[in-house]
């Protein structure tokens, strides 16, 4: 018996935000990389400021020094606390652009032994299983990446029955290449 599942849904702005936020910040290794980059910039600037301060004839730590450190902290570190809000704003601005209206159309995805077919009001695409270069799963979504930035987003809320959930799990387990499941976890 050939397994096949057809899913009909429409991504919401919140779905697209969750995909974008996950893939740019929450995915394994992303958050740590962002934090490391921000901290590195802050510490390099602070070190250079200290170096300049203590190699100058007047070696005291004056108000300018502390104001400079505070400014750099706000430039480098404050954005770490607003990542979600900034990402949401960027996502909604992107989706409100009429040129991107095709991202939130009614979609039919058919997943079978031969691959994945996606069809919406404006286009059709077919993917063989080996086209999935990375698969990630969050609490609410499956993300089947076809390259480093594009993914087939499957909200778990659209899986209405246990039969659909089991069929999808079985198809993905059987056909998604092993390196797509774990390759992103191994650092080169």
Protein backbone atom coordinates (compact mmCIF):
# COMPACT_ATOMS: atom_id res chain seq x y z
CA UNK A 1 0.00 0.00 0.00
CA UNK A 2 1.40 3.37 -1.05
CA UNK A 3 1.32 6.01 1.59
CA UNK A 4 0.10 9.48 0.67
CA UNK A 5 -1.18 12.43 2.63
CA UNK A 6 -2.74 15.62 1.28
CA UNK A 7 -2.82 18.73 3.43
CA UNK A 8 -4.78 21.89 2.63
CA UNK A 9 -3.98 25.04 4.55
CA UNK A 10 -3.09 28.69 4.42
CA UNK A 11 -0.10 30.00 6.34
CA UNK A 12 -0.86 32.96 8.56
CA UNK A 13 1.39 35.93 9.24
CA UNK A 14 2.09 34.37 12.62
CA UNK A 15 3.09 31.07 10.94
CA UNK A 16 5.51 32.90 8.68
CA UNK A 17 6.91 34.86 11.65
CA UNK A 18 7.42 31.61 13.58
CA UNK A 19 9.28 30.09 10.62
CA UNK A 20 11.48 33.16 10.15
CA UNK A 21 12.19 33.60 13.87
CA UNK A 22 12.97 29.91 14.28
CA UNK A 23 15.25 29.69 11.26
CA UNK A 24 17.16 32.89 12.03
CA UNK A 25 17.36 32.73 15.82
CA UNK A 26 15.88 29.73 17.61
CA UNK A 27 17.23 26.88 15.47
CA UNK A 28 20.07 24.86 16.99
CA UNK A 29 23.25 26.95 17.14
CA UNK A 30 21.70 30.18 15.86
CA UNK A 31 20.97 31.89 19.17
CA UNK A 32 24.41 31.11 20.59
CA UNK A 33 26.03 32.45 17.41
CA UNK A 34 24.13 35.73 17.60
CA UNK A 35 24.96 36.20 21.28
CA UNK A 36 28.62 35.32 20.72
CA UNK A 37 28.89 37.80 17.84
CA UNK A 38 27.32 40.62 19.87
CA UNK A 39 29.47 39.96 22.93
CA UNK A 40 32.61 39.73 20.79
CA UNK A 41 31.94 43.15 19.24
CA UNK A 42 31.24 44.70 22.63
CA UNK A 43 34.39 43.26 24.25
CA UNK A 44 36.63 44.21 21.32
CA UNK A 45 35.38 47.79 21.42
CA UNK A 46 35.73 47.92 25.22
CA UNK A 47 39.27 46.53 25.03
CA UNK A 48 40.26 49.08 22.39
CA UNK A 49 38.74 51.87 24.45
CA UNK A 50 40.67 50.72 27.53
CA UNK A 51 43.85 50.44 25.47
CA UNK A 52 43.47 53.97 24.14
CA UNK A 53 42.61 55.28 27.58
CA UNK A 54 45.57 53.70 29.35
CA UNK A 55 48.13 54.50 26.64
CA UNK A 56 47.23 58.17 26.62
CA UNK A 57 49.08 60.63 28.89
CA UNK A 58 46.03 60.95 31.13
CA UNK A 59 45.32 57.40 32.31
CA UNK A 60 42.21 57.96 34.38
CA UNK A 61 38.79 56.50 33.66
CA UNK A 62 36.70 59.59 33.15
CA UNK A 63 33.03 60.16 32.41
CA UNK A 64 33.65 59.93 28.64
CA UNK A 65 34.97 56.38 29.10
CA UNK A 66 31.90 55.22 31.04
CA UNK A 67 29.51 56.94 28.63
CA UNK A 68 31.30 55.25 25.72
CA UNK A 69 31.00 51.83 27.38
CA UNK A 70 27.30 52.43 28.09
CA UNK A 71 26.68 53.47 24.48
CA UNK A 72 28.46 50.40 23.14
CA UNK A 73 26.54 48.18 25.53
CA UNK A 74 23.30 49.62 24.21
CA UNK A 75 24.42 49.20 20.59
CA UNK A 76 25.79 45.66 20.95
CA UNK A 77 23.87 44.12 23.83
CA UNK A 78 20.44 45.76 23.99
CA UNK A 79 19.34 44.24 20.66
CA UNK A 80 19.70 40.79 22.24
CA UNK A 81 16.65 41.62 24.36
CA UNK A 82 14.56 42.81 21.40
CA UNK A 83 15.28 40.07 18.85
CA UNK A 84 11.76 38.67 18.85
CA UNK A 85 10.11 42.10 18.59
CA UNK A 86 12.49 43.24 15.83
CA UNK A 87 12.02 39.99 13.91
CA UNK A 88 8.23 40.30 14.19
CA UNK A 89 8.34 43.87 12.87
CA UNK A 90 10.59 42.84 9.95
CA UNK A 91 8.41 39.84 9.14
CA UNK A 92 5.16 41.80 9.12
CA UNK A 93 6.70 44.57 7.00
CA UNK A 94 7.91 41.92 4.54
CA UNK A 95 4.50 40.26 4.39
CA UNK A 96 2.64 43.56 4.02
CA UNK A 97 4.59 44.25 0.83
CA UNK A 98 2.22 43.39 -2.07
CA UNK A 99 5.11 41.73 -3.93
CA UNK A 100 5.15 39.02 -1.24
CA UNK A 101 1.42 38.32 -1.13
CA UNK A 102 1.89 34.86 -2.64
CA UNK A 103 3.41 33.56 0.61
CA UNK A 104 0.06 33.43 2.39
CA UNK A 105 -2.16 31.79 -0.22
CA UNK A 106 -4.23 28.63 0.07
CA UNK A 107 -1.86 25.72 -0.39
CA UNK A 108 -2.23 22.02 -1.04
CA UNK A 109 0.71 19.83 -0.19
CA UNK A 110 0.73 16.19 -1.20
CA UNK A 111 3.35 14.07 0.48
CA UNK A 112 3.92 10.61 -0.92
CA UNK A 113 6.52 7.92 -1.52
CA UNK A 114 7.83 9.87 -4.53
CA UNK A 115 8.23 13.24 -2.83
CA UNK A 116 6.38 16.41 -2.01
CA UNK A 117 4.12 18.37 -4.36
CA UNK A 118 3.03 21.85 -3.36
CA UNK A 119 0.37 23.75 -5.22
CA UNK A 120 -1.16 27.12 -4.47
CA UNK A 121 -3.25 29.63 -6.39
CA UNK A 122 -0.24 30.90 -8.33
CA UNK A 123 2.30 28.10 -8.65
CA UNK A 124 3.19 24.44 -8.42
CA UNK A 125 6.38 22.81 -7.21
CA UNK A 126 7.52 19.21 -6.90
CA UNK A 127 10.36 18.08 -4.68
CA UNK A 128 12.03 14.71 -4.61
CA UNK A 129 12.89 13.56 -1.12
CA UNK A 130 16.60 14.18 -1.65
CA UNK A 131 15.77 17.87 -2.27
CA UNK A 132 15.20 18.21 1.47
CA UNK A 133 18.62 19.37 2.67
CA UNK A 134 17.60 19.96 6.28
CA UNK A 135 14.62 19.05 8.41
CA UNK A 136 13.85 20.74 11.69
CA UNK A 137 10.91 20.39 14.00
CA UNK A 138 9.62 22.82 16.58
CA UNK A 139 6.75 22.36 18.99
CA UNK A 140 4.25 23.63 16.39
CA UNK A 141 5.89 23.11 12.96
CA UNK A 142 7.85 20.92 10.62
CA UNK A 143 10.38 22.86 8.52
CA UNK A 144 11.58 20.99 5.45
CA UNK A 145 14.40 23.10 4.04
CA UNK A 146 15.07 22.93 0.31
CA UNK A 147 18.08 25.24 0.65
CA UNK A 148 19.66 27.31 3.40
CA UNK A 149 16.81 29.84 3.56
CA UNK A 150 13.69 28.32 2.00
CA UNK A 151 11.53 25.71 3.62
CA UNK A 152 8.27 23.93 3.21
CA UNK A 153 6.47 24.96 6.40
CA UNK A 154 3.95 22.48 7.73
CA UNK A 155 1.99 23.69 10.77
CA UNK A 156 1.20 20.77 13.05
CA UNK A 157 -2.24 22.24 13.74
CA UNK A 158 -3.38 21.18 10.25
CA UNK A 159 -2.83 17.51 11.04
CA UNK A 160 -6.38 16.78 12.10
CA UNK A 161 -6.28 13.05 12.73
CA UNK A 162 -3.89 10.52 14.22
CA UNK A 163 -3.85 8.81 10.83
CA UNK A 164 -2.48 11.98 9.19
CA UNK A 165 0.10 12.45 11.93
CA UNK A 166 1.27 8.85 11.68
CA UNK A 167 1.35 8.91 7.86
CA UNK A 168 3.41 12.11 7.81
CA UNK A 169 5.82 10.81 10.45
CA UNK A 170 6.24 7.52 8.60
CA UNK A 171 6.87 9.21 5.23
CA UNK A 172 9.40 11.62 6.69
CA UNK A 173 11.18 8.85 8.62
CA UNK A 174 11.40 6.65 5.54
CA UNK A 175 12.39 9.25 2.97
CA UNK A 176 14.12 12.29 4.39
CA UNK A 177 17.84 11.72 3.93
CA UNK A 178 19.68 11.07 7.20
CA UNK A 179 22.06 13.99 6.60
CA UNK A 180 19.04 16.32 6.31
CA UNK A 181 17.90 15.22 9.75
CA UNK A 182 21.24 15.46 11.57
CA UNK A 183 23.70 17.13 9.21
CA UNK A 184 22.98 20.60 10.62
CA UNK A 185 23.86 19.36 14.10
CA UNK A 186 27.42 18.48 13.09
CA UNK A 187 29.79 21.44 12.86
CA UNK A 188 32.32 21.40 10.05
